[in-house]
Amino acid sequence: METSRGRLLPSWLPGVGVGAMVGALAAVAFPSWRRAANATPPPSHADVALEAHPTGPPVVGDMAQAAAANRAAYHSRLDAHAHEPLDPDWAKTAEGTIREKLDHMAREARARLVSFDCRSRSCVATLEFASYNEAFRGLTAVVGSVACRSESTLDDPPDASIPFQVTILYDCKGVSL
């Protein structure tokens, strides 16, 4: 790290071009880093100032904590889906529309649709892949195949070679199916 006007700058940061993007991404991806309090936004992308984490750069523990918090929030949203009231008309329409797309994309991703449940604004699908690696490769296409906001997690498997199930939450609030 080198200093510039009392602020820390990463030594690998280029002087022009992507510097501002890197700074913005670092501020978002590593909330324990932040812009220096006395820094004003630079007129160009040439000067990005970051204040170092009080104990140094972010560590794996920080990322593990963030991942655990994201998983907990995801499981909370799955629980909210399970307790969501059932709107039979919406659920039937959503199931027909989304399931057709999921069946097609699951076959393309070499996965099998194990379960599917729609309520009044969200749906949950569980897919089974031949292995964790197959899930890792195929999940993006399956998740993105539906117009609804979608999310899933890929937790580390106990054995990457055995069949692996993934649960996808589709939040369709405000989406016309």
N, C-alpha and C. Protein backbone atom coordinates (compact mmCIF):
# COMPACT_ATOMS: atom_id res chain seq x y z
N MET A 1 0.84 -1.17 0.00
CA MET A 1 0.00 0.00 0.00
C MET A 1 0.89 1.23 0.00
N GLU A 2 0.47 2.25 -0.73
CA GLU A 2 1.16 3.51 -0.70
C GLU A 2 0.18 4.57 -0.24
N THR A 3 0.70 5.66 0.28
CA THR A 3 -0.20 6.70 0.78
C THR A 3 -0.28 7.85 -0.21
N SER A 4 -1.39 8.50 -0.21
CA SER A 4 -1.59 9.69 -1.02
C SER A 4 -2.41 10.67 -0.18
N ARG A 5 -1.79 11.79 0.20
CA ARG A 5 -2.46 12.79 1.04
C ARG A 5 -3.02 12.17 2.31
N GLY A 6 -2.27 11.25 2.93
CA GLY A 6 -2.68 10.66 4.19
C GLY A 6 -3.70 9.55 4.07
N ARG A 7 -4.06 9.17 2.86
CA ARG A 7 -5.02 8.09 2.67
C ARG A 7 -4.30 6.89 2.08
N LEU A 8 -4.81 5.72 2.35
CA LEU A 8 -4.20 4.51 1.82
C LEU A 8 -4.76 4.19 0.44
N LEU A 9 -3.89 3.87 -0.48
CA LEU A 9 -4.29 3.45 -1.81
C LEU A 9 -3.69 2.09 -2.08
N PRO A 10 -4.45 1.16 -2.64
CA PRO A 10 -3.85 -0.12 -2.99
C PRO A 10 -2.75 0.10 -4.02
N SER A 11 -1.59 -0.51 -3.85
CA SER A 11 -0.47 -0.28 -4.76
C SER A 11 -0.74 -0.87 -6.15
N TRP A 12 -1.65 -1.82 -6.27
CA TRP A 12 -1.94 -2.42 -7.56
C TRP A 12 -2.99 -1.66 -8.35
N LEU A 13 -3.58 -0.63 -7.73
CA LEU A 13 -4.67 0.11 -8.36
C LEU A 13 -4.14 0.98 -9.49
N PRO A 14 -4.62 0.80 -10.71
CA PRO A 14 -4.15 1.64 -11.81
C PRO A 14 -4.57 3.08 -11.59
N GLY A 15 -3.80 3.99 -12.13
CA GLY A 15 -4.07 5.41 -11.94
C GLY A 15 -5.28 5.90 -12.68
N VAL A 16 -5.69 5.24 -13.73
CA VAL A 16 -6.85 5.67 -14.51
C VAL A 16 -7.71 4.46 -14.84
N GLY A 17 -8.86 4.73 -15.36
CA GLY A 17 -9.72 3.65 -15.86
C GLY A 17 -10.58 3.02 -14.80
N VAL A 18 -10.25 1.81 -14.41
CA VAL A 18 -11.13 1.03 -13.53
C VAL A 18 -10.97 1.38 -12.05
N GLY A 19 -10.13 2.32 -11.72
CA GLY A 19 -9.88 2.65 -10.32
C GLY A 19 -11.13 2.95 -9.54
N ALA A 20 -11.99 3.79 -10.07
CA ALA A 20 -13.22 4.15 -9.35
C ALA A 20 -14.13 2.94 -9.19
N MET A 21 -14.18 2.10 -10.23
CA MET A 21 -15.01 0.90 -10.13
C MET A 21 -14.48 -0.03 -9.05
N VAL A 22 -13.18 -0.20 -8.99
CA VAL A 22 -12.59 -1.06 -7.97
C VAL A 22 -12.91 -0.52 -6.59
N GLY A 23 -12.79 0.79 -6.41
CA GLY A 23 -13.09 1.40 -5.12
C GLY A 23 -14.54 1.21 -4.74
N ALA A 24 -15.44 1.40 -5.71
CA ALA A 24 -16.87 1.22 -5.43
C ALA A 24 -17.17 -0.22 -5.10
N LEU A 25 -16.58 -1.15 -5.86
CA LEU A 25 -16.82 -2.56 -5.57
C LEU A 25 -16.24 -2.95 -4.22
N ALA A 26 -15.08 -2.44 -3.89
CA ALA A 26 -14.48 -2.76 -2.59
C ALA A 26 -15.35 -2.24 -1.46
N ALA A 27 -15.92 -1.06 -1.65
CA ALA A 27 -16.77 -0.49 -0.60
C ALA A 27 -18.02 -1.32 -0.41
N VAL A 28 -18.54 -1.90 -1.48
CA VAL A 28 -19.75 -2.72 -1.38
C VAL A 28 -19.41 -4.14 -0.93
N ALA A 29 -18.40 -4.72 -1.55
CA ALA A 29 -18.06 -6.11 -1.25
C ALA A 29 -17.42 -6.27 0.12
N PHE A 30 -16.72 -5.26 0.58
CA PHE A 30 -16.05 -5.32 1.86
C PHE A 30 -16.53 -4.15 2.70
N PRO A 31 -17.71 -4.29 3.35
CA PRO A 31 -18.26 -3.17 4.10
C PRO A 31 -17.36 -2.69 5.23
N SER A 32 -16.39 -3.50 5.63
CA SER A 32 -15.49 -3.04 6.68
C SER A 32 -14.48 -2.04 6.12
N TRP A 33 -14.42 -1.90 4.80
CA TRP A 33 -13.61 -0.85 4.18
C TRP A 33 -14.57 0.28 3.86
N ARG A 34 -14.09 1.48 3.86
CA ARG A 34 -14.95 2.60 3.47
C ARG A 34 -14.08 3.73 2.94
N ARG A 35 -14.72 4.67 2.25
CA ARG A 35 -13.99 5.84 1.77
C ARG A 35 -13.45 6.60 2.99
N ALA A 36 -12.30 7.18 2.82
CA ALA A 36 -11.74 8.00 3.89
C ALA A 36 -12.71 9.14 4.19
N ALA A 37 -12.86 9.49 5.46
CA ALA A 37 -13.83 10.50 5.87
C ALA A 37 -13.58 11.85 5.21
N ASN A 38 -12.31 12.18 4.96
CA ASN A 38 -12.01 13.49 4.38
C ASN A 38 -11.92 13.46 2.85
N ALA A 39 -12.24 12.33 2.25
CA ALA A 39 -12.15 12.22 0.79
C ALA A 39 -13.38 12.79 0.13
N THR A 40 -13.16 13.57 -0.89
CA THR A 40 -14.27 14.05 -1.70
C THR A 40 -14.23 13.28 -3.01
N PRO A 41 -15.39 13.05 -3.62
CA PRO A 41 -15.38 12.28 -4.85
C PRO A 41 -14.47 12.93 -5.89
N PRO A 42 -13.56 12.17 -6.49
CA PRO A 42 -12.64 12.75 -7.46
C PRO A 42 -13.37 13.11 -8.75
N PRO A 43 -12.89 14.14 -9.45
CA PRO A 43 -13.53 14.52 -10.69
C PRO A 43 -13.30 13.49 -11.79
N SER A 44 -12.27 12.67 -11.66
CA SER A 44 -12.01 11.63 -12.65
C SER A 44 -11.86 10.30 -11.93
N HIS A 45 -11.58 9.26 -12.68
CA HIS A 45 -11.41 7.92 -12.10
C HIS A 45 -9.98 7.71 -11.59
N ALA A 46 -9.18 8.75 -11.55
CA ALA A 46 -7.76 8.59 -11.28
C ALA A 46 -7.41 8.45 -9.81
N ASP A 47 -8.26 8.93 -8.89
CA ASP A 47 -7.88 8.96 -7.50
C ASP A 47 -8.94 8.29 -6.65
N VAL A 48 -8.71 7.07 -6.24
CA VAL A 48 -9.65 6.35 -5.39
C VAL A 48 -8.98 6.16 -4.04
N ALA A 49 -9.63 6.63 -3.01
CA ALA A 49 -9.06 6.54 -1.67
C ALA A 49 -9.90 5.62 -0.82
N LEU A 50 -9.26 4.68 -0.17
CA LEU A 50 -9.92 3.76 0.74
C LEU A 50 -9.20 3.82 2.07
N GLU A 51 -9.97 3.74 3.12
CA GLU A 51 -9.36 3.65 4.43
C GLU A 51 -9.23 2.16 4.74
N ALA A 52 -8.09 1.76 5.21
CA ALA A 52 -7.86 0.35 5.49
C ALA A 52 -8.73 -0.14 6.63
N HIS A 53 -9.07 -1.41 6.59
CA HIS A 53 -9.77 -2.08 7.68
C HIS A 53 -8.91 -1.90 8.92
N PRO A 54 -9.49 -1.62 10.09
CA PRO A 54 -8.69 -1.36 11.29
C PRO A 54 -7.69 -2.47 11.60
N THR A 55 -7.97 -3.68 11.24
CA THR A 55 -7.04 -4.77 11.54
C THR A 55 -6.38 -5.31 10.28
N GLY A 56 -6.44 -4.57 9.20
CA GLY A 56 -5.85 -5.01 7.94
C GLY A 56 -6.93 -5.32 6.93
N PRO A 57 -6.55 -5.93 5.83
CA PRO A 57 -7.54 -6.24 4.80
C PRO A 57 -8.57 -7.24 5.30
N PRO A 58 -9.72 -7.31 4.62
CA PRO A 58 -10.74 -8.29 5.03
C PRO A 58 -10.15 -9.69 5.07
N VAL A 59 -10.60 -10.46 6.01
CA VAL A 59 -10.09 -11.81 6.16
C VAL A 59 -11.18 -12.81 5.84
N VAL A 60 -10.79 -14.06 5.69
CA VAL A 60 -11.74 -15.11 5.34
C VAL A 60 -12.88 -15.18 6.34
N GLY A 61 -12.61 -14.94 7.61
CA GLY A 61 -13.66 -14.97 8.63
C GLY A 61 -14.77 -13.97 8.33
N ASP A 62 -14.39 -12.77 7.84
CA ASP A 62 -15.39 -11.77 7.48
C ASP A 62 -16.29 -12.30 6.36
N MET A 63 -15.69 -12.93 5.36
CA MET A 63 -16.45 -13.46 4.24
C MET A 63 -17.32 -14.64 4.69
N ALA A 64 -16.78 -15.46 5.58
CA ALA A 64 -17.56 -16.59 6.09
C ALA A 64 -18.77 -16.09 6.88
N GLN A 65 -18.57 -15.03 7.65
CA GLN A 65 -19.69 -14.45 8.40
C GLN A 65 -20.74 -13.88 7.45
N ALA A 66 -20.29 -13.20 6.41
CA ALA A 66 -21.23 -12.64 5.42
C ALA A 66 -21.98 -13.75 4.72
N ALA A 67 -21.29 -14.83 4.36
CA ALA A 67 -21.94 -15.96 3.70
C ALA A 67 -22.97 -16.60 4.63
N ALA A 68 -22.62 -16.75 5.90
CA ALA A 68 -23.56 -17.33 6.86
C ALA A 68 -24.79 -16.44 7.03
N ALA A 69 -24.58 -15.13 7.06
CA ALA A 69 -25.70 -14.19 7.17
C ALA A 69 -26.60 -14.27 5.94
N ASN A 70 -25.99 -14.39 4.76
CA ASN A 70 -26.78 -14.52 3.52
C ASN A 70 -27.58 -15.81 3.52
N ARG A 71 -26.96 -16.91 3.96
CA ARG A 71 -27.68 -18.20 4.03
C ARG A 71 -28.84 -18.11 5.00
N ALA A 72 -28.62 -17.49 6.15
CA ALA A 72 -29.69 -17.35 7.15
C ALA A 72 -30.85 -16.53 6.60
N ALA A 73 -30.53 -15.44 5.89
CA ALA A 73 -31.59 -14.60 5.30
C ALA A 73 -32.35 -15.38 4.23
N TYR A 74 -31.64 -16.16 3.43
CA TYR A 74 -32.26 -16.98 2.40
C TYR A 74 -33.21 -18.00 3.03
N HIS A 75 -32.76 -18.69 4.08
CA HIS A 75 -33.61 -19.69 4.75
C HIS A 75 -34.81 -19.02 5.42
N SER A 76 -34.64 -17.80 5.88
CA SER A 76 -35.76 -17.05 6.44
C SER A 76 -36.81 -16.76 5.35
N ARG A 77 -36.35 -16.42 4.15
CA ARG A 77 -37.29 -16.18 3.04
C ARG A 77 -37.97 -17.49 2.61
N LEU A 78 -37.26 -18.61 2.67
CA LEU A 78 -37.89 -19.90 2.38
C LEU A 78 -38.97 -20.21 3.41
N ASP A 79 -38.69 -19.90 4.66
CA ASP A 79 -39.67 -20.10 5.72
C ASP A 79 -40.90 -19.21 5.51
N ALA A 80 -40.66 -17.96 5.10
CA ALA A 80 -41.77 -17.05 4.82
C ALA A 80 -42.64 -17.60 3.69
N HIS A 81 -42.02 -18.20 2.68
CA HIS A 81 -42.78 -18.82 1.59
C HIS A 81 -43.66 -19.94 2.13
N ALA A 82 -43.11 -20.76 2.99
CA ALA A 82 -43.85 -21.90 3.54
C ALA A 82 -45.08 -21.44 4.33
N HIS A 83 -45.00 -20.25 4.92
CA HIS A 83 -46.12 -19.72 5.71
C HIS A 83 -46.99 -18.73 4.94
N GLU A 84 -46.67 -18.53 3.68
CA GLU A 84 -47.44 -17.61 2.83
C GLU A 84 -48.81 -18.21 2.57
N PRO A 85 -49.86 -17.40 2.62
CA PRO A 85 -51.20 -17.94 2.33
C PRO A 85 -51.28 -18.42 0.88
N LEU A 86 -52.13 -19.38 0.64
CA LEU A 86 -52.29 -19.95 -0.69
C LEU A 86 -53.36 -19.18 -1.46
N ASP A 87 -53.01 -18.74 -2.66
CA ASP A 87 -53.96 -18.16 -3.61
C ASP A 87 -54.07 -19.19 -4.73
N PRO A 88 -55.11 -20.04 -4.70
CA PRO A 88 -55.20 -21.15 -5.64
C PRO A 88 -55.12 -20.73 -7.11
N ASP A 89 -55.78 -19.62 -7.47
CA ASP A 89 -55.75 -19.18 -8.87
C ASP A 89 -54.34 -18.76 -9.29
N TRP A 90 -53.69 -17.93 -8.46
CA TRP A 90 -52.34 -17.48 -8.79
C TRP A 90 -51.38 -18.67 -8.81
N ALA A 91 -51.49 -19.53 -7.81
CA ALA A 91 -50.59 -20.68 -7.72
C ALA A 91 -50.71 -21.58 -8.95
N LYS A 92 -51.94 -21.81 -9.40
CA LYS A 92 -52.15 -22.68 -10.57
C LYS A 92 -51.53 -22.05 -11.82
N THR A 93 -51.75 -20.75 -12.01
CA THR A 93 -51.18 -20.05 -13.17
C THR A 93 -49.65 -20.06 -13.09
N ALA A 94 -49.11 -19.71 -11.93
CA ALA A 94 -47.66 -19.65 -11.75
C ALA A 94 -47.04 -21.02 -11.94
N GLU A 95 -47.66 -22.02 -11.36
CA GLU A 95 -47.11 -23.37 -11.47
C GLU A 95 -47.05 -23.81 -12.93
N GLY A 96 -48.11 -23.55 -13.68
CA GLY A 96 -48.12 -23.94 -15.09
C GLY A 96 -47.04 -23.23 -15.88
N THR A 97 -46.94 -21.93 -15.68
CA THR A 97 -45.97 -21.12 -16.44
C THR A 97 -44.53 -21.43 -16.04
N ILE A 98 -44.26 -21.39 -14.76
CA ILE A 98 -42.89 -21.56 -14.27
C ILE A 98 -42.43 -23.01 -14.42
N ARG A 99 -43.30 -23.94 -14.09
CA ARG A 99 -42.90 -25.35 -14.14
C ARG A 99 -42.50 -25.77 -15.55
N GLU A 100 -43.22 -25.27 -16.56
CA GLU A 100 -42.88 -25.61 -17.94
C GLU A 100 -41.45 -25.16 -18.27
N LYS A 101 -41.12 -23.93 -17.88
CA LYS A 101 -39.76 -23.41 -18.12
C LYS A 101 -38.73 -24.19 -17.32
N LEU A 102 -39.06 -24.47 -16.07
CA LEU A 102 -38.12 -25.21 -15.21
C LEU A 102 -37.87 -26.62 -15.73
N ASP A 103 -38.92 -27.30 -16.14
CA ASP A 103 -38.74 -28.65 -16.67
C ASP A 103 -37.78 -28.64 -17.85
N HIS A 104 -37.97 -27.68 -18.76
CA HIS A 104 -37.11 -27.58 -19.93
C HIS A 104 -35.67 -27.27 -19.53
N MET A 105 -35.47 -26.26 -18.68
CA MET A 105 -34.12 -25.87 -18.28
C MET A 105 -33.45 -26.94 -17.42
N ALA A 106 -34.22 -27.62 -16.62
CA ALA A 106 -33.65 -28.69 -15.79
C ALA A 106 -33.10 -29.81 -16.68
N ARG A 107 -33.86 -30.17 -17.70
CA ARG A 107 -33.36 -31.20 -18.63
C ARG A 107 -32.07 -30.74 -19.30
N GLU A 108 -32.03 -29.48 -19.72
CA GLU A 108 -30.82 -28.95 -20.36
C GLU A 108 -29.63 -28.95 -19.40
N ALA A 109 -29.90 -28.71 -18.13
CA ALA A 109 -28.84 -28.66 -17.11
C ALA A 109 -28.57 -30.05 -16.52
N ARG A 110 -29.22 -31.06 -17.06
CA ARG A 110 -29.09 -32.44 -16.58
C ARG A 110 -29.48 -32.57 -15.11
N ALA A 111 -30.63 -31.98 -14.81
CA ALA A 111 -31.17 -32.05 -13.45
C ALA A 111 -32.59 -32.59 -13.51
N ARG A 112 -33.10 -32.95 -12.34
CA ARG A 112 -34.47 -33.47 -12.23
C ARG A 112 -35.23 -32.59 -11.24
N LEU A 113 -36.44 -32.17 -11.63
CA LEU A 113 -37.29 -31.39 -10.74
C LEU A 113 -37.90 -32.35 -9.72
N VAL A 114 -37.54 -32.18 -8.45
CA VAL A 114 -37.96 -33.07 -7.37
C VAL A 114 -39.28 -32.60 -6.76
N SER A 115 -39.37 -31.28 -6.52
CA SER A 115 -40.60 -30.74 -5.94
C SER A 115 -40.80 -29.31 -6.41
N PHE A 116 -42.06 -28.88 -6.35
CA PHE A 116 -42.41 -27.54 -6.81
C PHE A 116 -43.64 -27.08 -6.06
N ASP A 117 -43.60 -25.86 -5.49
CA ASP A 117 -44.72 -25.35 -4.70
C ASP A 117 -44.87 -23.86 -4.94
N CYS A 118 -46.08 -23.43 -5.32
CA CYS A 118 -46.39 -22.01 -5.47
C CYS A 118 -47.45 -21.64 -4.45
N ARG A 119 -47.41 -20.40 -3.98
CA ARG A 119 -48.34 -19.91 -2.97
C ARG A 119 -49.15 -18.75 -3.52
N SER A 120 -48.90 -17.53 -3.03
CA SER A 120 -49.66 -16.38 -3.52
C SER A 120 -48.79 -15.35 -4.22
N ARG A 121 -47.48 -15.47 -4.08
CA ARG A 121 -46.57 -14.58 -4.79
C ARG A 121 -45.20 -15.19 -5.01
N SER A 122 -44.98 -16.37 -4.48
CA SER A 122 -43.67 -17.01 -4.62
C SER A 122 -43.81 -18.50 -4.89
N CYS A 123 -42.74 -19.05 -5.45
CA CYS A 123 -42.67 -20.49 -5.71
C CYS A 123 -41.32 -21.00 -5.24
N VAL A 124 -41.29 -22.26 -4.85
CA VAL A 124 -40.05 -22.91 -4.45
C VAL A 124 -39.92 -24.19 -5.26
N ALA A 125 -38.75 -24.36 -5.87
CA ALA A 125 -38.47 -25.57 -6.65
C ALA A 125 -37.24 -26.24 -6.06
N THR A 126 -37.27 -27.56 -6.01
CA THR A 126 -36.10 -28.32 -5.60
C THR A 126 -35.66 -29.16 -6.79
N LEU A 127 -34.40 -29.01 -7.16
CA LEU A 127 -33.81 -29.75 -8.27
C LEU A 127 -32.74 -30.68 -7.75
N GLU A 128 -32.60 -31.80 -8.41
CA GLU A 128 -31.52 -32.71 -8.05
C GLU A 128 -30.58 -32.86 -9.24
N PHE A 129 -29.31 -32.65 -8.97
CA PHE A 129 -28.25 -32.81 -9.96
C PHE A 129 -27.47 -34.07 -9.63
N ALA A 130 -26.76 -34.60 -10.61
CA ALA A 130 -25.97 -35.82 -10.40
C ALA A 130 -24.88 -35.63 -9.36
N SER A 131 -24.37 -34.40 -9.24
CA SER A 131 -23.31 -34.11 -8.28
C SER A 131 -23.29 -32.61 -7.98
N TYR A 132 -22.52 -32.23 -7.00
CA TYR A 132 -22.35 -30.82 -6.67
C TYR A 132 -21.78 -30.06 -7.87
N ASN A 133 -20.79 -30.66 -8.53
CA ASN A 133 -20.17 -30.00 -9.68
C ASN A 133 -21.18 -29.77 -10.80
N GLU A 134 -22.06 -30.72 -11.04
CA GLU A 134 -23.11 -30.54 -12.04
C GLU A 134 -24.06 -29.42 -11.62
N ALA A 135 -24.37 -29.34 -10.34
CA ALA A 135 -25.24 -28.27 -9.83
C ALA A 135 -24.56 -26.92 -10.02
N PHE A 136 -23.29 -26.86 -9.71
CA PHE A 136 -22.52 -25.62 -9.85
C PHE A 136 -22.54 -25.15 -11.31
N ARG A 137 -22.38 -26.08 -12.25
CA ARG A 137 -22.37 -25.73 -13.67
C ARG A 137 -23.76 -25.36 -14.20
N GLY A 138 -24.79 -26.05 -13.75
CA GLY A 138 -26.10 -25.89 -14.36
C GLY A 138 -27.07 -24.97 -13.66
N LEU A 139 -26.78 -24.58 -12.44
CA LEU A 139 -27.76 -23.84 -11.66
C LEU A 139 -28.07 -22.46 -12.22
N THR A 140 -27.09 -21.75 -12.72
CA THR A 140 -27.32 -20.39 -13.20
C THR A 140 -28.37 -20.34 -14.30
N ALA A 141 -28.30 -21.26 -15.24
CA ALA A 141 -29.28 -21.27 -16.34
C ALA A 141 -30.68 -21.57 -15.81
N VAL A 142 -30.78 -22.47 -14.86
CA VAL A 142 -32.09 -22.83 -14.32
C VAL A 142 -32.67 -21.69 -13.50
N VAL A 143 -31.87 -21.08 -12.66
CA VAL A 143 -32.34 -19.99 -11.81
C VAL A 143 -32.80 -18.81 -12.67
N GLY A 144 -32.05 -18.48 -13.69
CA GLY A 144 -32.37 -17.33 -14.53
C GLY A 144 -33.41 -17.58 -15.60
N SER A 145 -33.99 -18.75 -15.65
CA SER A 145 -34.94 -19.08 -16.73
C SER A 145 -36.34 -18.53 -16.50
N VAL A 146 -36.60 -17.99 -15.33
CA VAL A 146 -37.93 -17.50 -14.96
C VAL A 146 -37.85 -15.99 -14.73
N ALA A 147 -38.91 -15.27 -15.11
CA ALA A 147 -38.91 -13.81 -15.01
C ALA A 147 -38.94 -13.30 -13.57
N CYS A 148 -39.25 -14.13 -12.62
CA CYS A 148 -39.33 -13.72 -11.21
C CYS A 148 -37.93 -13.53 -10.62
N ARG A 149 -37.87 -12.76 -9.52
CA ARG A 149 -36.62 -12.65 -8.76
C ARG A 149 -36.33 -14.04 -8.19
N SER A 150 -35.11 -14.50 -8.36
CA SER A 150 -34.81 -15.85 -7.91
C SER A 150 -33.52 -15.88 -7.12
N GLU A 151 -33.45 -16.84 -6.20
CA GLU A 151 -32.24 -17.00 -5.41
C GLU A 151 -32.10 -18.43 -4.93
N SER A 152 -30.85 -18.79 -4.69
CA SER A 152 -30.53 -20.12 -4.20
C SER A 152 -29.17 -20.06 -3.54
N THR A 153 -28.80 -21.11 -2.85
CA THR A 153 -27.45 -21.21 -2.31
C THR A 153 -26.87 -22.56 -2.68
N LEU A 154 -25.57 -22.60 -2.77
CA LEU A 154 -24.86 -23.86 -2.99
C LEU A 154 -23.94 -24.06 -1.81
N ASP A 155 -24.44 -24.71 -0.79
CA ASP A 155 -23.61 -24.99 0.38
C ASP A 155 -22.63 -26.09 0.03
N ASP A 156 -21.50 -26.09 0.69
CA ASP A 156 -20.51 -27.14 0.45
C ASP A 156 -21.11 -28.50 0.77
N PRO A 157 -20.95 -29.44 -0.15
CA PRO A 157 -21.52 -30.77 0.06
C PRO A 157 -20.60 -31.63 0.93
N PRO A 158 -21.18 -32.60 1.63
CA PRO A 158 -20.33 -33.53 2.39
C PRO A 158 -19.50 -34.40 1.44
N ASP A 159 -20.06 -34.69 0.26
CA ASP A 159 -19.38 -35.50 -0.75
C ASP A 159 -19.80 -34.96 -2.12
N ALA A 160 -18.86 -34.38 -2.86
CA ALA A 160 -19.18 -33.72 -4.13
C ALA A 160 -19.56 -34.68 -5.24
N SER A 161 -19.41 -35.98 -5.01
CA SER A 161 -19.69 -36.94 -6.09
C SER A 161 -21.09 -37.55 -6.02
N ILE A 162 -21.81 -37.33 -4.93
CA ILE A 162 -23.15 -37.92 -4.80
C ILE A 162 -24.20 -36.93 -5.30
N PRO A 163 -25.43 -37.40 -5.59
CA PRO A 163 -26.48 -36.48 -6.03
C PRO A 163 -26.65 -35.31 -5.05
N PHE A 164 -26.92 -34.15 -5.63
CA PHE A 164 -26.96 -32.91 -4.86
C PHE A 164 -28.26 -32.17 -5.16
N GLN A 165 -29.00 -31.82 -4.12
CA GLN A 165 -30.26 -31.10 -4.29
C GLN A 165 -30.09 -29.61 -4.00
N VAL A 166 -30.76 -28.81 -4.82
CA VAL A 166 -30.72 -27.35 -4.69
C VAL A 166 -32.15 -26.85 -4.63
N THR A 167 -32.43 -25.95 -3.69
CA THR A 167 -33.75 -25.34 -3.59
C THR A 167 -33.65 -23.91 -4.10
N ILE A 168 -34.59 -23.56 -4.99
CA ILE A 168 -34.62 -22.23 -5.60
C ILE A 168 -35.90 -21.54 -5.17
N LEU A 169 -35.78 -20.31 -4.70
CA LEU A 169 -36.92 -19.49 -4.32
C LEU A 169 -37.16 -18.48 -5.44
N TYR A 170 -38.38 -18.47 -5.97
CA TYR A 170 -38.79 -17.50 -6.99
C TYR A 170 -39.79 -16.55 -6.33
N ASP A 171 -39.43 -15.27 -6.24
CA ASP A 171 -40.33 -14.25 -5.70
C ASP A 171 -40.94 -13.51 -6.89
N CYS A 172 -42.22 -13.72 -7.13
CA CYS A 172 -42.88 -13.20 -8.33
C CYS A 172 -43.76 -12.00 -8.05
N LYS A 173 -43.58 -11.36 -6.91
CA LYS A 173 -44.41 -10.19 -6.57
C LYS A 173 -44.25 -9.14 -7.67
N GLY A 174 -45.38 -8.72 -8.24
CA GLY A 174 -45.38 -7.69 -9.26
C GLY A 174 -45.02 -8.17 -10.66
N VAL A 175 -44.80 -9.47 -10.83
CA VAL A 175 -44.44 -10.01 -12.14
C VAL A 175 -45.67 -10.58 -12.79
N SER A 176 -45.88 -10.22 -14.04
CA SER A 176 -47.02 -10.77 -14.77
C SER A 176 -46.62 -12.10 -15.37
N LEU A 177 -47.31 -13.14 -14.97
CA LEU A 177 -47.00 -14.47 -15.48
C LEU A 177 -47.97 -14.77 -16.60
